[in-house]
Every structure is written in C-alpha cells, then in structure tokens.
Amino acid sequence: MPESNPAPLRRNLKIMSGAVVFNWTRVPVTVLIDYLDSEGSLAKFLCDFPTVSREQAQATLRLARQAFSRHADEDPAG
C-alpha cells in the first residue's frame, strides 16, 4: 500500500530495466517529459496514465526545476 507523501520517483533494475519511474507505477518519468515536449498537457498525461497522481507529477516537475537551477551556469555579467 502506498504511503502518504511518498517520494515521487523510484529506480529499480527489476522494474522497467532500471528506468526512473513514478513511485508505485511502471510509468517512466521520461514519458511525462515527452508529453510536455510534444505540446501535450499535464491533464492529458494524467488522463492517459491514471496510476500517476497529480501530486506525483507536480513534485517531479518541482524536482526538475530544482535540478535545472543547481546545474545552470551562472552568468558572470550577472
């Protein structure tokens, strides 16, 4: 049974060949990125993958935003 407020992502070599998936699902995170990249919407993604909760998807997008901030080069003129 899923715990409340679980980590949004999981990687296990036995699940989807080690792809990063949404916790408690077999849906790779790359599918969400592909949806958004191809002008899809979060609502469409959630409709097509009902095992992923809105909270999981939003938490994943927040993690991505934080990762971008950590890995971006700072503009020296800045």
PDB file of N, CA and C in Angstrom:
ATOM      1  N   MET A   1       0.841  -1.188   0.000  1.00  0.00           N
ATOM      2  CA  MET A   1       0.000   0.000   0.000  1.00  0.00           C
ATOM      3  C   MET A   1       0.884   1.247   0.000  1.00  0.00           C
ATOM      4  N   PRO A   2       0.624   2.217  -0.885  1.00  0.00           N
ATOM      5  CA  PRO A   2       1.432   3.431  -0.925  1.00  0.00           C
ATOM      6  C   PRO A   2       1.321   4.216   0.374  1.00  0.00           C
ATOM      7  N   GLU A   3       2.466   4.755   0.792  1.00  0.00           N
ATOM      8  CA  GLU A   3       2.472   5.596   1.982  1.00  0.00           C
ATOM      9  C   GLU A   3       2.013   6.998   1.618  1.00  0.00           C
ATOM     10  N   SER A   4       1.579   7.768   2.607  1.00  0.00           N
ATOM     11  CA  SER A   4       1.191   9.144   2.297  1.00  0.00           C
ATOM     12  C   SER A   4       2.452   9.952   2.052  1.00  0.00           C
ATOM     13  N   ASN A   5       2.384  10.852   1.103  1.00  0.00           N
ATOM     14  CA  ASN A   5       3.510  11.687   0.711  1.00  0.00           C
ATOM     15  C   ASN A   5       4.756  10.884   0.326  1.00  0.00           C
ATOM     16  N   PRO A   6       4.625   9.880  -0.534  1.00  0.00           N
ATOM     17  CA  PRO A   6       5.808   9.099  -0.915  1.00  0.00           C
ATOM     18  C   PRO A   6       6.727   9.920  -1.814  1.00  0.00           C
ATOM     19  N   ALA A   7       7.985   9.489  -1.878  1.00  0.00           N
ATOM     20  CA  ALA A   7       8.891  10.101  -2.839  1.00  0.00           C
ATOM     21  C   ALA A   7       8.271   9.905  -4.217  1.00  0.00           C
ATOM     22  N   PRO A   8       8.338  10.923  -5.084  1.00  0.00           N
ATOM     23  CA  PRO A   8       7.627  10.799  -6.355  1.00  0.00           C
ATOM     24  C   PRO A   8       8.271   9.835  -7.343  1.00  0.00           C
ATOM     25  N   LEU A   9       9.551   9.498  -7.142  1.00  0.00           N
ATOM     26  CA  LEU A   9      10.268   8.700  -8.141  1.00  0.00           C
ATOM     27  C   LEU A   9      10.954   7.499  -7.509  1.00  0.00           C
ATOM     28  N   ARG A  10      11.208   6.508  -8.364  1.00  0.00           N
ATOM     29  CA  ARG A  10      11.898   5.309  -7.909  1.00  0.00           C
ATOM     30  C   ARG A  10      12.675   4.724  -9.086  1.00  0.00           C
ATOM     31  N   ARG A  11      13.795   4.090  -8.769  1.00  0.00           N
ATOM     32  CA  ARG A  11      14.563   3.350  -9.776  1.00  0.00           C
ATOM     33  C   ARG A  11      14.895   1.989  -9.187  1.00  0.00           C
ATOM     34  N   ASN A  12      14.587   0.961  -9.951  1.00  0.00           N
ATOM     35  CA  ASN A  12      14.857  -0.404  -9.541  1.00  0.00           C
ATOM     36  C   ASN A  12      15.214  -1.165 -10.814  1.00  0.00           C
ATOM     37  N   LEU A  13      16.369  -1.818 -10.802  1.00  0.00           N
ATOM     38  CA  LEU A  13      16.803  -2.532 -12.007  1.00  0.00           C
ATOM     39  C   LEU A  13      15.814  -3.598 -12.455  1.00  0.00           C
ATOM     40  N   LYS A  14      14.948  -4.058 -11.558  1.00  0.00           N
ATOM     41  CA  LYS A  14      13.967  -5.084 -11.893  1.00  0.00           C
ATOM     42  C   LYS A  14      12.670  -4.490 -12.450  1.00  0.00           C
ATOM     43  N   ILE A  15      12.539  -3.176 -12.395  1.00  0.00           N
ATOM     44  CA  ILE A  15      11.333  -2.516 -12.904  1.00  0.00           C
ATOM     45  C   ILE A  15      11.714  -1.669 -14.105  1.00  0.00           C
ATOM     46  N   MET A  16      11.131  -1.978 -15.235  1.00  0.00           N
ATOM     47  CA  MET A  16      11.363  -1.207 -16.468  1.00  0.00           C
ATOM     48  C   MET A  16      12.858  -1.051 -16.776  1.00  0.00           C
ATOM     49  N   SER A  17      13.619  -2.099 -16.550  1.00  0.00           N
ATOM     50  CA  SER A  17      15.060  -2.145 -16.836  1.00  0.00           C
ATOM     51  C   SER A  17      15.838  -1.018 -16.168  1.00  0.00           C
ATOM     52  N   GLY A  18      15.383  -0.597 -15.012  1.00  0.00           N
ATOM     53  CA  GLY A  18      16.102   0.428 -14.258  1.00  0.00           C
ATOM     54  C   GLY A  18      15.753   1.856 -14.620  1.00  0.00           C
ATOM     55  N   ALA A  19      14.739   2.049 -15.463  1.00  0.00           N
ATOM     56  CA  ALA A  19      14.321   3.412 -15.798  1.00  0.00           C
ATOM     57  C   ALA A  19      13.761   4.077 -14.545  1.00  0.00           C
ATOM     58  N   VAL A  20      13.903   5.382 -14.448  1.00  0.00           N
ATOM     59  CA  VAL A  20      13.300   6.122 -13.345  1.00  0.00           C
ATOM     60  C   VAL A  20      11.801   6.197 -13.619  1.00  0.00           C
ATOM     61  N   VAL A  21      11.024   5.701 -12.656  1.00  0.00           N
ATOM     62  CA  VAL A  21       9.570   5.657 -12.811  1.00  0.00           C
ATOM     63  C   VAL A  21       8.910   6.414 -11.661  1.00  0.00           C
ATOM     64  N   PHE A  22       7.654   6.744 -11.867  1.00  0.00           N
ATOM     65  CA  PHE A  22       6.879   7.319 -10.779  1.00  0.00           C
ATOM     66  C   PHE A  22       6.671   6.225  -9.741  1.00  0.00           C
ATOM     67  N   ASN A  23       6.849   6.581  -8.484  1.00  0.00           N
ATOM     68  CA  ASN A  23       6.719   5.620  -7.404  1.00  0.00           C
ATOM     69  C   ASN A  23       5.363   4.918  -7.465  1.00  0.00           C
ATOM     70  N   TRP A  24       5.372   3.627  -7.195  1.00  0.00           N
ATOM     71  CA  TRP A  24       4.192   2.761  -7.182  1.00  0.00           C
ATOM     72  C   TRP A  24       3.583   2.566  -8.569  1.00  0.00           C
ATOM     73  N   THR A  25       4.341   2.879  -9.641  1.00  0.00           N
ATOM     74  CA  THR A  25       3.856   2.660 -11.002  1.00  0.00           C
ATOM     75  C   THR A  25       4.975   2.035 -11.826  1.00  0.00           C
ATOM     76  N   ARG A  26       4.669   1.777 -13.082  1.00  0.00           N
ATOM     77  CA  ARG A  26       5.676   1.358 -14.059  1.00  0.00           C
ATOM     78  C   ARG A  26       5.789   2.409 -15.157  1.00  0.00           C
ATOM     79  N   VAL A  27       5.406   3.635 -14.856  1.00  0.00           N
ATOM     80  CA  VAL A  27       5.410   4.725 -15.836  1.00  0.00           C
ATOM     81  C   VAL A  27       6.728   5.491 -15.733  1.00  0.00           C
ATOM     82  N   PRO A  28       7.568   5.428 -16.770  1.00  0.00           N
ATOM     83  CA  PRO A  28       8.830   6.169 -16.744  1.00  0.00           C
ATOM     84  C   PRO A  28       8.594   7.688 -16.729  1.00  0.00           C
ATOM     85  N   VAL A  29       9.432   8.381 -15.984  1.00  0.00           N
ATOM     86  CA  VAL A  29       9.344   9.842 -15.906  1.00  0.00           C
ATOM     87  C   VAL A  29       9.552  10.468 -17.287  1.00  0.00           C
ATOM     88  N   THR A  30      10.339   9.829 -18.122  1.00  0.00           N
ATOM     89  CA  THR A  30      10.589  10.372 -19.455  1.00  0.00           C
ATOM     90  C   THR A  30       9.299  10.516 -20.261  1.00  0.00           C
ATOM     91  N   VAL A  31       8.287   9.717 -19.931  1.00  0.00           N
ATOM     92  CA  VAL A  31       7.005   9.828 -20.637  1.00  0.00           C
ATOM     93  C   VAL A  31       6.376  11.194 -20.351  1.00  0.00           C
ATOM     94  N   LEU A  32       6.443  11.650 -19.105  1.00  0.00           N
ATOM     95  CA  LEU A  32       5.918  12.984 -18.783  1.00  0.00           C
ATOM     96  C   LEU A  32       6.688  14.052 -19.549  1.00  0.00           C
ATOM     97  N   ILE A  33       7.997  13.948 -19.560  1.00  0.00           N
ATOM     98  CA  ILE A  33       8.820  14.928 -20.279  1.00  0.00           C
ATOM     99  C   ILE A  33       8.464  14.914 -21.765  1.00  0.00           C
ATOM    100  N   ASP A  34       8.309  13.728 -22.343  1.00  0.00           N
ATOM    101  CA  ASP A  34       7.941  13.615 -23.758  1.00  0.00           C
ATOM    102  C   ASP A  34       6.578  14.253 -24.030  1.00  0.00           C
ATOM    103  N   TYR A  35       5.619  14.037 -23.135  1.00  0.00           N
ATOM    104  CA  TYR A  35       4.293  14.649 -23.299  1.00  0.00           C
ATOM    105  C   TYR A  35       4.409  16.169 -23.338  1.00  0.00           C
ATOM    106  N   LEU A  36       5.114  16.715 -22.378  1.00  0.00           N
ATOM    107  CA  LEU A  36       5.225  18.169 -22.298  1.00  0.00           C
ATOM    108  C   LEU A  36       6.033  18.731 -23.465  1.00  0.00           C
ATOM    109  N   ASP A  37       7.036  17.979 -23.901  1.00  0.00           N
ATOM    110  CA  ASP A  37       7.868  18.414 -25.023  1.00  0.00           C
ATOM    111  C   ASP A  37       7.098  18.418 -26.335  1.00  0.00           C
ATOM    112  N   SER A  38       6.118  17.543 -26.454  1.00  0.00           N
ATOM    113  CA  SER A  38       5.351  17.460 -27.698  1.00  0.00           C
ATOM    114  C   SER A  38       4.045  18.253 -27.617  1.00  0.00           C
ATOM    115  N   GLU A  39       4.065  19.292 -26.804  1.00  0.00           N
ATOM    116  CA  GLU A  39       2.935  20.214 -26.660  1.00  0.00           C
ATOM    117  C   GLU A  39       1.712  19.552 -26.029  1.00  0.00           C
ATOM    118  N   GLY A  40       1.941  18.479 -25.288  1.00  0.00           N
ATOM    119  CA  GLY A  40       0.857  17.865 -24.536  1.00  0.00           C
ATOM    120  C   GLY A  40       0.656  18.631 -23.241  1.00  0.00           C
ATOM    121  N   SER A  41      -0.327  18.222 -22.501  1.00  0.00           N
ATOM    122  CA  SER A  41      -0.601  18.901 -21.240  1.00  0.00           C
ATOM    123  C   SER A  41      -0.464  17.910 -20.089  1.00  0.00           C
ATOM    124  N   LEU A  42      -0.297  18.463 -18.906  1.00  0.00           N
ATOM    125  CA  LEU A  42      -0.261  17.624 -17.717  1.00  0.00           C
ATOM    126  C   LEU A  42      -1.596  16.892 -17.557  1.00  0.00           C
ATOM    127  N   ALA A  43      -2.681  17.571 -17.842  1.00  0.00           N
ATOM    128  CA  ALA A  43      -4.009  16.951 -17.730  1.00  0.00           C
ATOM    129  C   ALA A  43      -4.126  15.742 -18.658  1.00  0.00           C
ATOM    130  N   LYS A  44      -3.641  15.856 -19.893  1.00  0.00           N
ATOM    131  CA  LYS A  44      -3.687  14.743 -20.854  1.00  0.00           C
ATOM    132  C   LYS A  44      -2.820  13.589 -20.367  1.00  0.00           C
ATOM    133  N   PHE A  45      -1.622  13.919 -19.866  1.00  0.00           N
ATOM    134  CA  PHE A  45      -0.733  12.892 -19.331  1.00  0.00           C
ATOM    135  C   PHE A  45      -1.428  12.128 -18.202  1.00  0.00           C
ATOM    136  N   LEU A  46      -2.031  12.860 -17.269  1.00  0.00           N
ATOM    137  CA  LEU A  46      -2.689  12.228 -16.128  1.00  0.00           C
ATOM    138  C   LEU A  46      -3.884  11.386 -16.570  1.00  0.00           C
ATOM    139  N   CYS A  47      -4.569  11.813 -17.595  1.00  0.00           N
ATOM    140  CA  CYS A  47      -5.693  11.046 -18.131  1.00  0.00           C
ATOM    141  C   CYS A  47      -5.194   9.747 -18.765  1.00  0.00           C
ATOM    142  N   ASP A  48      -4.089   9.827 -19.495  1.00  0.00           N
ATOM    143  CA  ASP A  48      -3.544   8.656 -20.179  1.00  0.00           C
ATOM    144  C   ASP A  48      -2.813   7.699 -19.233  1.00  0.00           C
ATOM    145  N   PHE A  49      -2.345   8.208 -18.093  1.00  0.00           N
ATOM    146  CA  PHE A  49      -1.603   7.392 -17.123  1.00  0.00           C
ATOM    147  C   PHE A  49      -2.218   7.582 -15.734  1.00  0.00           C
ATOM    148  N   PRO A  50      -3.387   6.992 -15.517  1.00  0.00           N
ATOM    149  CA  PRO A  50      -4.116   7.230 -14.267  1.00  0.00           C
ATOM    150  C   PRO A  50      -3.425   6.691 -13.015  1.00  0.00           C
ATOM    151  N   THR A  51      -2.392   5.869 -13.165  1.00  0.00           N
ATOM    152  CA  THR A  51      -1.673   5.390 -11.978  1.00  0.00           C
ATOM    153  C   THR A  51      -0.739   6.446 -11.412  1.00  0.00           C
ATOM    154  N   VAL A  52      -0.501   7.508 -12.175  1.00  0.00           N
ATOM    155  CA  VAL A  52       0.332   8.624 -11.701  1.00  0.00           C
ATOM    156  C   VAL A  52      -0.605   9.694 -11.151  1.00  0.00           C
ATOM    157  N   SER A  53      -0.361  10.121  -9.923  1.00  0.00           N
ATOM    158  CA  SER A  53      -1.211  11.160  -9.329  1.00  0.00           C
ATOM    159  C   SER A  53      -0.714  12.545  -9.749  1.00  0.00           C
ATOM    160  N   ARG A  54      -1.608  13.499  -9.689  1.00  0.00           N
ATOM    161  CA  ARG A  54      -1.242  14.890  -9.977  1.00  0.00           C
ATOM    162  C   ARG A  54      -0.123  15.334  -9.028  1.00  0.00           C
ATOM    163  N   GLU A  55      -0.207  14.923  -7.773  1.00  0.00           N
ATOM    164  CA  GLU A  55       0.812  15.304  -6.793  1.00  0.00           C
ATOM    165  C   GLU A  55       2.184  14.745  -7.172  1.00  0.00           C
ATOM    166  N   GLN A  56       2.220  13.495  -7.653  1.00  0.00           N
ATOM    167  CA  GLN A  56       3.497  12.909  -8.086  1.00  0.00           C
ATOM    168  C   GLN A  56       4.068  13.682  -9.262  1.00  0.00           C
ATOM    169  N   ALA A  57       3.231  13.988 -10.238  1.00  0.00           N
ATOM    170  CA  ALA A  57       3.706  14.696 -11.430  1.00  0.00           C
ATOM    171  C   ALA A  57       4.196  16.092 -11.059  1.00  0.00           C
ATOM    172  N   GLN A  58       3.453  16.797 -10.227  1.00  0.00           N
ATOM    173  CA  GLN A  58       3.862  18.147  -9.843  1.00  0.00           C
ATOM    174  C   GLN A  58       5.142  18.115  -9.009  1.00  0.00           C
ATOM    175  N   ALA A  59       5.274  17.151  -8.106  1.00  0.00           N
ATOM    176  CA  ALA A  59       6.501  17.029  -7.311  1.00  0.00           C
ATOM    177  C   ALA A  59       7.691  16.734  -8.213  1.00  0.00           C
ATOM    178  N   THR A  60       7.483  15.926  -9.226  1.00  0.00           N
ATOM    179  CA  THR A  60       8.555  15.606 -10.168  1.00  0.00           C
ATOM    180  C   THR A  60       8.978  16.849 -10.949  1.00  0.00           C
ATOM    181  N   LEU A  61       8.014  17.643 -11.371  1.00  0.00           N
ATOM    182  CA  LEU A  61       8.349  18.877 -12.085  1.00  0.00           C
ATOM    183  C   LEU A  61       9.079  19.856 -11.171  1.00  0.00           C
ATOM    184  N   ARG A  62       8.718  19.897  -9.891  1.00  0.00           N
ATOM    185  CA  ARG A  62       9.452  20.751  -8.944  1.00  0.00           C
ATOM    186  C   ARG A  62      10.884  20.263  -8.784  1.00  0.00           C
ATOM    187  N   LEU A  63      11.084  18.940  -8.713  1.00  0.00           N
ATOM    188  CA  LEU A  63      12.439  18.389  -8.633  1.00  0.00           C
ATOM    189  C   LEU A  63      13.253  18.752  -9.871  1.00  0.00           C
ATOM    190  N   ALA A  64      12.622  18.693 -11.024  1.00  0.00           N
ATOM    191  CA  ALA A  64      13.311  19.056 -12.266  1.00  0.00           C
ATOM    192  C   ALA A  64      13.719  20.527 -12.233  1.00  0.00           C
ATOM    193  N   ARG A  65      12.822  21.381 -11.774  1.00  0.00           N
ATOM    194  CA  ARG A  65      13.135  22.816 -11.679  1.00  0.00           C
ATOM    195  C   ARG A  65      14.336  23.040 -10.762  1.00  0.00           C
ATOM    196  N   GLN A  66      14.365  22.355  -9.624  1.00  0.00           N
ATOM    197  CA  GLN A  66      15.494  22.482  -8.692  1.00  0.00           C
ATOM    198  C   GLN A  66      16.786  21.984  -9.331  1.00  0.00           C
ATOM    199  N   ALA A  67      16.710  20.888 -10.067  1.00  0.00           N
ATOM    200  CA  ALA A  67      17.898  20.348 -10.733  1.00  0.00           C
ATOM    201  C   ALA A  67      18.427  21.326 -11.775  1.00  0.00           C
ATOM    202  N   PHE A  68      17.530  21.953 -12.514  1.00  0.00           N
ATOM    203  CA  PHE A  68      17.968  22.936 -13.507  1.00  0.00           C
ATOM    204  C   PHE A  68      18.692  24.086 -12.826  1.00  0.00           C
ATOM    205  N   SER A  69      18.164  24.545 -11.717  1.00  0.00           N
ATOM    206  CA  SER A  69      18.777  25.660 -11.003  1.00  0.00           C
ATOM    207  C   SER A  69      20.169  25.294 -10.492  1.00  0.00           C
ATOM    208  N   ARG A  70      20.313  24.074 -10.004  1.00  0.00           N
ATOM    209  CA  ARG A  70      21.615  23.636  -9.482  1.00  0.00           C
ATOM    210  C   ARG A  70      22.642  23.459 -10.592  1.00  0.00           C
ATOM    211  N   HIS A  71      22.219  23.085 -11.769  1.00  0.00           N
ATOM    212  CA  HIS A  71      23.157  22.737 -12.828  1.00  0.00           C
ATOM    213  C   HIS A  71      23.353  23.820 -13.877  1.00  0.00           C
ATOM    214  N   ALA A  72      22.686  24.934 -13.718  1.00  0.00           N
ATOM    215  CA  ALA A  72      22.829  26.017 -14.683  1.00  0.00           C
ATOM    216  C   ALA A  72      24.107  26.803 -14.402  1.00  0.00           C
ATOM    217  N   ASP A  73      24.786  27.191 -15.470  1.00  0.00           N
ATOM    218  CA  ASP A  73      25.956  28.058 -15.331  1.00  0.00           C
ATOM    219  C   ASP A  73      25.481  29.451 -14.974  1.00  0.00           C
ATOM    220  N   GLU A  74      26.180  30.068 -14.053  1.00  0.00           N
ATOM    221  CA  GLU A  74      25.835  31.429 -13.672  1.00  0.00           C
ATOM    222  C   GLU A  74      26.472  32.392 -14.660  1.00  0.00           C
ATOM    223  N   ASP A  75      25.716  33.384 -15.061  1.00  0.00           N
ATOM    224  CA  ASP A  75      26.196  34.401 -15.994  1.00  0.00           C
ATOM    225  C   ASP A  75      27.172  35.299 -15.234  1.00  0.00           C
ATOM    226  N   PRO A  76      28.444  35.345 -15.660  1.00  0.00           N
ATOM    227  CA  PRO A  76      29.426  36.157 -14.933  1.00  0.00           C
ATOM    228  C   PRO A  76      29.095  37.655 -14.971  1.00  0.00           C
ATOM    229  N   ALA A  77      28.343  38.084 -15.970  1.00  0.00           N
ATOM    230  CA  ALA A  77      27.994  39.503 -16.068  1.00  0.00           C
ATOM    231  C   ALA A  77      26.859  39.827 -15.107  1.00  0.00           C
ATOM    232  N   GLY A  78      26.202  38.777 -14.610  1.00  0.00           N
ATOM    233  CA  GLY A  78      25.078  38.825 -13.867  1.00  0.00           C
ATOM    234  C   GLY A  78      24.520  39.550 -12.850  1.00  0.00           C
TER     235      GLY A  78
END
